[in-house]
Amino acid sequence: MLNMLSTLAEYERELIVERVNAGIAAARGAGTVFGRPPNNPVVTAEKLKIAASARAEGKTAQQAAELVGWSRATLYRAMQTTGQTRP
């Protein structure tokens, strides 16, 4: 009896996986884009300018990052990507 129940549960799980994959394929076919939206380089450059001016005024990197809505790590990552050494 236990084998029968486990076989039915396994079959139901396979059906769920098939339905989920079919739903994802249908959504992609309808134009849905999954994942994080791409970064806009113009917006990133503007935020880096704002952070650089805040740093020039004597604010810490943490304060400059919070000013533009980023974490300090995101600020440093954006600087590294653009080749800047200090905001």
PDB file of N, CA and C in Angstrom:
ATOM      1  N   MET A   1       0.830  -1.205   0.000  1.00  0.00           N
ATOM      2  CA  MET A   1       0.000   0.000   0.000  1.00  0.00           C
ATOM      3  C   MET A   1       0.870   1.262   0.000  1.00  0.00           C
ATOM      4  N   LEU A   2       1.936   1.232   0.795  1.00  0.00           N
ATOM      5  CA  LEU A   2       2.834   2.384   0.870  1.00  0.00           C
ATOM      6  C   LEU A   2       3.539   2.625  -0.470  1.00  0.00           C
ATOM      7  N   ASN A   3       3.895   1.544  -1.143  1.00  0.00           N
ATOM      8  CA  ASN A   3       4.514   1.682  -2.468  1.00  0.00           C
ATOM      9  C   ASN A   3       3.559   2.335  -3.454  1.00  0.00           C
ATOM     10  N   MET A   4       2.319   1.988  -3.398  1.00  0.00           N
ATOM     11  CA  MET A   4       1.312   2.546  -4.304  1.00  0.00           C
ATOM     12  C   MET A   4       1.160   4.046  -4.067  1.00  0.00           C
ATOM     13  N   LEU A   5       1.097   4.440  -2.800  1.00  0.00           N
ATOM     14  CA  LEU A   5       0.972   5.868  -2.474  1.00  0.00           C
ATOM     15  C   LEU A   5       2.198   6.656  -2.919  1.00  0.00           C
ATOM     16  N   SER A   6       3.376   6.093  -2.714  1.00  0.00           N
ATOM     17  CA  SER A   6       4.592   6.808  -3.129  1.00  0.00           C
ATOM     18  C   SER A   6       4.679   6.920  -4.646  1.00  0.00           C
ATOM     19  N   THR A   7       4.218   5.908  -5.365  1.00  0.00           N
ATOM     20  CA  THR A   7       4.221   5.957  -6.828  1.00  0.00           C
ATOM     21  C   THR A   7       3.254   7.029  -7.328  1.00  0.00           C
ATOM     22  N   LEU A   8       2.074   7.111  -6.705  1.00  0.00           N
ATOM     23  CA  LEU A   8       1.117   8.142  -7.087  1.00  0.00           C
ATOM     24  C   LEU A   8       1.645   9.544  -6.775  1.00  0.00           C
ATOM     25  N   ALA A   9       2.320   9.702  -5.645  1.00  0.00           N
ATOM     26  CA  ALA A   9       2.882  11.004  -5.279  1.00  0.00           C
ATOM     27  C   ALA A   9       3.981  11.413  -6.259  1.00  0.00           C
ATOM     28  N   GLU A  10       4.794  10.466  -6.658  1.00  0.00           N
ATOM     29  CA  GLU A  10       5.858  10.741  -7.626  1.00  0.00           C
ATOM     30  C   GLU A  10       5.257  11.141  -8.977  1.00  0.00           C
ATOM     31  N   TYR A  11       4.219  10.449  -9.398  1.00  0.00           N
ATOM     32  CA  TYR A  11       3.551  10.771 -10.659  1.00  0.00           C
ATOM     33  C   TYR A  11       2.935  12.168 -10.609  1.00  0.00           C
ATOM     34  N   GLU A  12       2.297  12.503  -9.485  1.00  0.00           N
ATOM     35  CA  GLU A  12       1.692  13.830  -9.335  1.00  0.00           C
ATOM     36  C   GLU A  12       2.769  14.914  -9.375  1.00  0.00           C
ATOM     37  N   ARG A  13       3.911  14.654  -8.771  1.00  0.00           N
ATOM     38  CA  ARG A  13       5.014  15.622  -8.790  1.00  0.00           C
ATOM     39  C   ARG A  13       5.514  15.844 -10.217  1.00  0.00           C
ATOM     40  N   GLU A  14       5.600  14.795 -10.996  1.00  0.00           N
ATOM     41  CA  GLU A  14       6.011  14.927 -12.399  1.00  0.00           C
ATOM     42  C   GLU A  14       5.007  15.765 -13.183  1.00  0.00           C
ATOM     43  N   LEU A  15       3.722  15.567 -12.906  1.00  0.00           N
ATOM     44  CA  LEU A  15       2.695  16.369 -13.577  1.00  0.00           C
ATOM     45  C   LEU A  15       2.824  17.851 -13.206  1.00  0.00           C
ATOM     46  N   ILE A  16       3.099  18.122 -11.949  1.00  0.00           N
ATOM     47  CA  ILE A  16       3.268  19.518 -11.503  1.00  0.00           C
ATOM     48  C   ILE A  16       4.449  20.162 -12.221  1.00  0.00           C
ATOM     49  N   VAL A  17       5.551  19.452 -12.314  1.00  0.00           N
ATOM     50  CA  VAL A  17       6.737  19.984 -12.992  1.00  0.00           C
ATOM     51  C   VAL A  17       6.424  20.269 -14.461  1.00  0.00           C
ATOM     52  N   GLU A  18       5.712  19.360 -15.111  1.00  0.00           N
ATOM     53  CA  GLU A  18       5.340  19.571 -16.516  1.00  0.00           C
ATOM     54  C   GLU A  18       4.458  20.808 -16.672  1.00  0.00           C
ATOM     55  N   ARG A  19       3.495  20.987 -15.777  1.00  0.00           N
ATOM     56  CA  ARG A  19       2.605  22.146 -15.856  1.00  0.00           C
ATOM     57  C   ARG A  19       3.352  23.447 -15.629  1.00  0.00           C
ATOM     58  N   VAL A  20       4.259  23.447 -14.666  1.00  0.00           N
ATOM     59  CA  VAL A  20       5.035  24.657 -14.390  1.00  0.00           C
ATOM     60  C   VAL A  20       5.904  25.013 -15.600  1.00  0.00           C
ATOM     61  N   ASN A  21       6.583  24.018 -16.172  1.00  0.00           N
ATOM     62  CA  ASN A  21       7.420  24.273 -17.340  1.00  0.00           C
ATOM     63  C   ASN A  21       6.594  24.739 -18.536  1.00  0.00           C
ATOM     64  N   ALA A  22       5.406  24.192 -18.697  1.00  0.00           N
ATOM     65  CA  ALA A  22       4.535  24.637 -19.788  1.00  0.00           C
ATOM     66  C   ALA A  22       4.091  26.075 -19.561  1.00  0.00           C
ATOM     67  N   GLY A  23       3.800  26.436 -18.310  1.00  0.00           N
ATOM     68  CA  GLY A  23       3.423  27.812 -17.993  1.00  0.00           C
ATOM     69  C   GLY A  23       4.548  28.795 -18.250  1.00  0.00           C
ATOM     70  N   ILE A  24       5.761  28.407 -17.895  1.00  0.00           N
ATOM     71  CA  ILE A  24       6.918  29.272 -18.148  1.00  0.00           C
ATOM     72  C   ILE A  24       7.121  29.453 -19.647  1.00  0.00           C
ATOM     73  N   ALA A  25       7.022  28.368 -20.398  1.00  0.00           N
ATOM     74  CA  ALA A  25       7.189  28.455 -21.852  1.00  0.00           C
ATOM     75  C   ALA A  25       6.105  29.336 -22.469  1.00  0.00           C
ATOM     76  N   ALA A  26       4.879  29.224 -21.997  1.00  0.00           N
ATOM     77  CA  ALA A  26       3.787  30.049 -22.522  1.00  0.00           C
ATOM     78  C   ALA A  26       4.029  31.524 -22.189  1.00  0.00           C
ATOM     79  N   ALA A  27       4.510  31.798 -20.984  1.00  0.00           N
ATOM     80  CA  ALA A  27       4.783  33.185 -20.596  1.00  0.00           C
ATOM     81  C   ALA A  27       5.906  33.771 -21.442  1.00  0.00           C
ATOM     82  N   ARG A  28       6.944  32.984 -21.678  1.00  0.00           N
ATOM     83  CA  ARG A  28       8.038  33.471 -22.535  1.00  0.00           C
ATOM     84  C   ARG A  28       7.549  33.706 -23.955  1.00  0.00           C
ATOM     85  N   GLY A  29       6.688  32.825 -24.425  1.00  0.00           N
ATOM     86  CA  GLY A  29       6.113  32.987 -25.762  1.00  0.00           C
ATOM     87  C   GLY A  29       5.262  34.245 -25.871  1.00  0.00           C
ATOM     88  N   ALA A  30       4.664  34.658 -24.747  1.00  0.00           N
ATOM     89  CA  ALA A  30       3.836  35.871 -24.735  1.00  0.00           C
ATOM     90  C   ALA A  30       4.671  37.125 -24.510  1.00  0.00           C
ATOM     91  N   GLY A  31       5.987  36.949 -24.357  1.00  0.00           N
ATOM     92  CA  GLY A  31       6.856  38.113 -24.236  1.00  0.00           C
ATOM     93  C   GLY A  31       7.277  38.475 -22.824  1.00  0.00           C
ATOM     94  N   THR A  32       6.959  37.652 -21.839  1.00  0.00           N
ATOM     95  CA  THR A  32       7.371  37.939 -20.467  1.00  0.00           C
ATOM     96  C   THR A  32       8.869  37.730 -20.328  1.00  0.00           C
ATOM     97  N   VAL A  33       9.526  38.679 -19.710  1.00  0.00           N
ATOM     98  CA  VAL A  33      10.960  38.581 -19.479  1.00  0.00           C
ATOM     99  C   VAL A  33      11.171  38.283 -18.006  1.00  0.00           C
ATOM    100  N   PHE A  34      11.889  37.223 -17.724  1.00  0.00           N
ATOM    101  CA  PHE A  34      12.155  36.823 -16.352  1.00  0.00           C
ATOM    102  C   PHE A  34      13.490  37.396 -15.890  1.00  0.00           C
ATOM    103  N   GLY A  35      13.621  37.549 -14.598  1.00  0.00           N
ATOM    104  CA  GLY A  35      14.891  37.990 -14.022  1.00  0.00           C
ATOM    105  C   GLY A  35      14.928  39.475 -13.741  1.00  0.00           C
ATOM    106  N   ARG A  36      16.076  39.914 -13.281  1.00  0.00           N
ATOM    107  CA  ARG A  36      16.272  41.306 -12.908  1.00  0.00           C
ATOM    108  C   ARG A  36      16.367  42.169 -14.163  1.00  0.00           C
ATOM    109  N   PRO A  37      15.765  43.356 -14.146  1.00  0.00           N
ATOM    110  CA  PRO A  37      15.867  44.220 -15.320  1.00  0.00           C
ATOM    111  C   PRO A  37      17.311  44.688 -15.533  1.00  0.00           C
ATOM    112  N   PRO A  38      17.701  44.917 -16.768  1.00  0.00           N
ATOM    113  CA  PRO A  38      19.073  45.359 -17.036  1.00  0.00           C
ATOM    114  C   PRO A  38      19.318  46.770 -16.502  1.00  0.00           C
ATOM    115  N   ASN A  39      20.574  47.034 -16.173  1.00  0.00           N
ATOM    116  CA  ASN A  39      20.955  48.359 -15.679  1.00  0.00           C
ATOM    117  C   ASN A  39      20.999  49.362 -16.817  1.00  0.00           C
ATOM    118  N   ASN A  40      20.596  50.586 -16.513  1.00  0.00           N
ATOM    119  CA  ASN A  40      20.688  51.673 -17.475  1.00  0.00           C
ATOM    120  C   ASN A  40      21.997  52.410 -17.209  1.00  0.00           C
ATOM    121  N   PRO A  41      22.955  52.383 -18.142  1.00  0.00           N
ATOM    122  CA  PRO A  41      24.253  53.003 -17.899  1.00  0.00           C
ATOM    123  C   PRO A  41      24.171  54.511 -17.667  1.00  0.00           C
ATOM    124  N   VAL A  42      23.185  55.172 -18.235  1.00  0.00           N
ATOM    125  CA  VAL A  42      23.037  56.617 -18.037  1.00  0.00           C
ATOM    126  C   VAL A  42      22.660  56.907 -16.588  1.00  0.00           C
ATOM    127  N   VAL A  43      21.731  56.134 -16.047  1.00  0.00           N
ATOM    128  CA  VAL A  43      21.307  56.314 -14.661  1.00  0.00           C
ATOM    129  C   VAL A  43      22.467  55.992 -13.719  1.00  0.00           C
ATOM    130  N   THR A  44      23.211  54.929 -14.017  1.00  0.00           N
ATOM    131  CA  THR A  44      24.356  54.563 -13.189  1.00  0.00           C
ATOM    132  C   THR A  44      25.393  55.671 -13.180  1.00  0.00           C
ATOM    133  N   ALA A  45      25.661  56.260 -14.337  1.00  0.00           N
ATOM    134  CA  ALA A  45      26.641  57.344 -14.411  1.00  0.00           C
ATOM    135  C   ALA A  45      26.181  58.558 -13.613  1.00  0.00           C
ATOM    136  N   GLU A  46      24.893  58.872 -13.681  1.00  0.00           N
ATOM    137  CA  GLU A  46      24.353  59.998 -12.910  1.00  0.00           C
ATOM    138  C   GLU A  46      24.501  59.755 -11.409  1.00  0.00           C
ATOM    139  N   LYS A  47      24.183  58.545 -10.987  1.00  0.00           N
ATOM    140  CA  LYS A  47      24.290  58.214  -9.570  1.00  0.00           C
ATOM    141  C   LYS A  47      25.741  58.264  -9.106  1.00  0.00           C
ATOM    142  N   LEU A  48      26.659  57.836  -9.968  1.00  0.00           N
ATOM    143  CA  LEU A  48      28.078  57.907  -9.609  1.00  0.00           C
ATOM    144  C   LEU A  48      28.536  59.359  -9.485  1.00  0.00           C
ATOM    145  N   LYS A  49      28.021  60.245 -10.340  1.00  0.00           N
ATOM    146  CA  LYS A  49      28.358  61.667 -10.228  1.00  0.00           C
ATOM    147  C   LYS A  49      27.861  62.247  -8.918  1.00  0.00           C
ATOM    148  N   ILE A  50      26.630  61.895  -8.556  1.00  0.00           N
ATOM    149  CA  ILE A  50      26.058  62.389  -7.301  1.00  0.00           C
ATOM    150  C   ILE A  50      26.875  61.878  -6.117  1.00  0.00           C
ATOM    151  N   ALA A  51      27.246  60.596  -6.159  1.00  0.00           N
ATOM    152  CA  ALA A  51      28.036  60.017  -5.072  1.00  0.00           C
ATOM    153  C   ALA A  51      29.414  60.664  -5.003  1.00  0.00           C
ATOM    154  N   ALA A  52      30.012  60.955  -6.163  1.00  0.00           N
ATOM    155  CA  ALA A  52      31.333  61.592  -6.180  1.00  0.00           C
ATOM    156  C   ALA A  52      31.270  62.999  -5.596  1.00  0.00           C
ATOM    157  N   SER A  53      30.214  63.737  -5.909  1.00  0.00           N
ATOM    158  CA  SER A  53      30.096  65.080  -5.353  1.00  0.00           C
ATOM    159  C   SER A  53      29.840  65.021  -3.849  1.00  0.00           C
ATOM    160  N   ALA A  54      29.097  64.030  -3.390  1.00  0.00           N
ATOM    161  CA  ALA A  54      28.868  63.866  -1.952  1.00  0.00           C
ATOM    162  C   ALA A  54      30.169  63.525  -1.240  1.00  0.00           C
ATOM    163  N   ARG A  55      30.990  62.681  -1.864  1.00  0.00           N
ATOM    164  CA  ARG A  55      32.284  62.332  -1.269  1.00  0.00           C
ATOM    165  C   ARG A  55      33.207  63.543  -1.239  1.00  0.00           C
ATOM    166  N   ALA A  56      33.117  64.387  -2.269  1.00  0.00           N
ATOM    167  CA  ALA A  56      33.951  65.595  -2.303  1.00  0.00           C
ATOM    168  C   ALA A  56      33.539  66.572  -1.203  1.00  0.00           C
ATOM    169  N   GLU A  57      32.272  66.505  -0.777  1.00  0.00           N
ATOM    170  CA  GLU A  57      31.788  67.360   0.311  1.00  0.00           C
ATOM    171  C   GLU A  57      32.164  66.807   1.677  1.00  0.00           C
ATOM    172  N   GLY A  58      32.790  65.626   1.715  1.00  0.00           N
ATOM    173  CA  GLY A  58      33.246  65.066   2.973  1.00  0.00           C
ATOM    174  C   GLY A  58      32.378  63.964   3.541  1.00  0.00           C
ATOM    175  N   LYS A  59      31.386  63.507   2.790  1.00  0.00           N
ATOM    176  CA  LYS A  59      30.526  62.427   3.274  1.00  0.00           C
ATOM    177  C   LYS A  59      31.239  61.085   3.106  1.00  0.00           C
ATOM    178  N   THR A  60      30.848  60.130   3.933  1.00  0.00           N
ATOM    179  CA  THR A  60      31.442  58.797   3.825  1.00  0.00           C
ATOM    180  C   THR A  60      30.872  58.071   2.611  1.00  0.00           C
ATOM    181  N   ALA A  61      31.525  56.973   2.243  1.00  0.00           N
ATOM    182  CA  ALA A  61      31.034  56.173   1.118  1.00  0.00           C
ATOM    183  C   ALA A  61      29.655  55.619   1.422  1.00  0.00           C
ATOM    184  N   GLN A  62      29.415  55.241   2.664  1.00  0.00           N
ATOM    185  CA  GLN A  62      28.103  54.726   3.062  1.00  0.00           C
ATOM    186  C   GLN A  62      27.031  55.798   2.883  1.00  0.00           C
ATOM    187  N   GLN A  63      27.317  57.014   3.315  1.00  0.00           N
ATOM    188  CA  GLN A  63      26.354  58.101   3.188  1.00  0.00           C
ATOM    189  C   GLN A  63      26.112  58.453   1.725  1.00  0.00           C
ATOM    190  N   ALA A  64      27.180  58.462   0.929  1.00  0.00           N
ATOM    191  CA  ALA A  64      27.033  58.762  -0.495  1.00  0.00           C
ATOM    192  C   ALA A  64      26.203  57.693  -1.199  1.00  0.00           C
ATOM    193  N   ALA A  65      26.410  56.441  -0.828  1.00  0.00           N
ATOM    194  CA  ALA A  65      25.647  55.349  -1.432  1.00  0.00           C
ATOM    195  C   ALA A  65      24.176  55.442  -1.046  1.00  0.00           C
ATOM    196  N   GLU A  66      23.894  55.738   0.217  1.00  0.00           N
ATOM    197  CA  GLU A  66      22.507  55.866   0.656  1.00  0.00           C
ATOM    198  C   GLU A  66      21.818  57.043  -0.016  1.00  0.00           C
ATOM    199  N   LEU A  67      22.582  58.065  -0.353  1.00  0.00           N
ATOM    200  CA  LEU A  67      22.030  59.238  -1.018  1.00  0.00           C
ATOM    201  C   LEU A  67      21.409  58.874  -2.372  1.00  0.00           C
ATOM    202  N   VAL A  68      22.023  57.930  -3.061  1.00  0.00           N
ATOM    203  CA  VAL A  68      21.514  57.522  -4.379  1.00  0.00           C
ATOM    204  C   VAL A  68      20.696  56.233  -4.320  1.00  0.00           C
ATOM    205  N   GLY A  69      20.478  55.699  -3.124  1.00  0.00           N
ATOM    206  CA  GLY A  69      19.644  54.512  -2.980  1.00  0.00           C
ATOM    207  C   GLY A  69      20.370  53.199  -3.175  1.00  0.00           C
ATOM    208  N   TRP A  70      21.676  53.197  -3.001  1.00  0.00           N
ATOM    209  CA  TRP A  70      22.487  51.992  -3.137  1.00  0.00           C
ATOM    210  C   TRP A  70      23.060  51.604  -1.799  1.00  0.00           C
ATOM    211  N   SER A  71      23.575  50.383  -1.730  1.00  0.00           N
ATOM    212  CA  SER A  71      24.390  49.988  -0.592  1.00  0.00           C
ATOM    213  C   SER A  71      25.832  50.396  -0.921  1.00  0.00           C
ATOM    214  N   ARG A  72      26.671  50.382   0.105  1.00  0.00           N
ATOM    215  CA  ARG A  72      28.072  50.743  -0.124  1.00  0.00           C
ATOM    216  C   ARG A  72      28.732  49.773  -1.106  1.00  0.00           C
ATOM    217  N   ALA A  73      28.408  48.481  -0.985  1.00  0.00           N
ATOM    218  CA  ALA A  73      28.975  47.477  -1.882  1.00  0.00           C
ATOM    219  C   ALA A  73      28.559  47.730  -3.327  1.00  0.00           C
ATOM    220  N   THR A  74      27.304  48.134  -3.543  1.00  0.00           N
ATOM    221  CA  THR A  74      26.838  48.435  -4.899  1.00  0.00           C
ATOM    222  C   THR A  74      27.576  49.642  -5.459  1.00  0.00           C
ATOM    223  N   LEU A  75      27.828  50.638  -4.621  1.00  0.00           N
ATOM    224  CA  LEU A  75      28.588  51.807  -5.055  1.00  0.00           C
ATOM    225  C   LEU A  75      29.981  51.396  -5.507  1.00  0.00           C
ATOM    226  N   TYR A  76      30.657  50.605  -4.688  1.00  0.00           N
ATOM    227  CA  TYR A  76      32.006  50.160  -5.053  1.00  0.00           C
ATOM    228  C   TYR A  76      31.996  49.281  -6.297  1.00  0.00           C
ATOM    229  N   ARG A  77      30.973  48.439  -6.451  1.00  0.00           N
ATOM    230  CA  ARG A  77      30.869  47.579  -7.632  1.00  0.00           C
ATOM    231  C   ARG A  77      30.666  48.409  -8.895  1.00  0.00           C
ATOM    232  N   ALA A  78      29.838  49.451  -8.806  1.00  0.00           N
ATOM    233  CA  ALA A  78      29.598  50.324  -9.961  1.00  0.00           C
ATOM    234  C   ALA A  78      30.868  51.091 -10.297  1.00  0.00           C
ATOM    235  N   MET A  79      31.593  51.511  -9.273  1.00  0.00           N
ATOM    236  CA  MET A  79      32.856  52.215  -9.517  1.00  0.00           C
ATOM    237  C   MET A  79      33.852  51.291 -10.213  1.00  0.00           C
ATOM    238  N   GLN A  80      33.937  50.045  -9.769  1.00  0.00           N
ATOM    239  CA  GLN A  80      34.874  49.085 -10.353  1.00  0.00           C
ATOM    240  C   GLN A  80      34.508  48.794 -11.815  1.00  0.00           C
ATOM    241  N   THR A  81      33.215  48.706 -12.089  1.00  0.00           N
ATOM    242  CA  THR A  81      32.756  48.422 -13.441  1.00  0.00           C
ATOM    243  C   THR A  81      33.109  49.564 -14.392  1.00  0.00           C
ATOM    244  N   THR A  82      33.010  50.799 -13.909  1.00  0.00           N
ATOM    245  CA  THR A  82      33.300  51.946 -14.758  1.00  0.00           C
ATOM    246  C   THR A  82      34.761  52.355 -14.730  1.00  0.00           C
ATOM    247  N   GLY A  83      35.551  51.721 -13.872  1.00  0.00           N
ATOM    248  CA  GLY A  83      36.978  52.024 -13.831  1.00  0.00           C
ATOM    249  C   GLY A  83      37.354  53.156 -12.890  1.00  0.00           C
ATOM    250  N   GLN A  84      36.408  53.642 -12.089  1.00  0.00           N
ATOM    251  CA  GLN A  84      36.723  54.684 -11.126  1.00  0.00           C
ATOM    252  C   GLN A  84      37.421  54.070  -9.923  1.00  0.00           C
ATOM    253  N   THR A  85      38.259  54.884  -9.263  1.00  0.00           N
ATOM    254  CA  THR A  85      38.950  54.384  -8.079  1.00  0.00           C
ATOM    255  C   THR A  85      38.356  54.940  -6.810  1.00  0.00           C
ATOM    256  N   ARG A  86      37.760  56.129  -6.873  1.00  0.00           N
ATOM    257  CA  ARG A  86      37.175  56.747  -5.696  1.00  0.00           C
ATOM    258  C   ARG A  86      35.986  57.594  -6.129  1.00  0.00           C
ATOM    259  N   PRO A  87      34.842  57.457  -5.415  1.00  0.00           N
ATOM    260  CA  PRO A  87      33.693  58.283  -5.810  1.00  0.00           C
ATOM    261  C   PRO A  87      33.900  59.737  -5.483  1.00  0.00           C
TER     262      PRO A  87
END
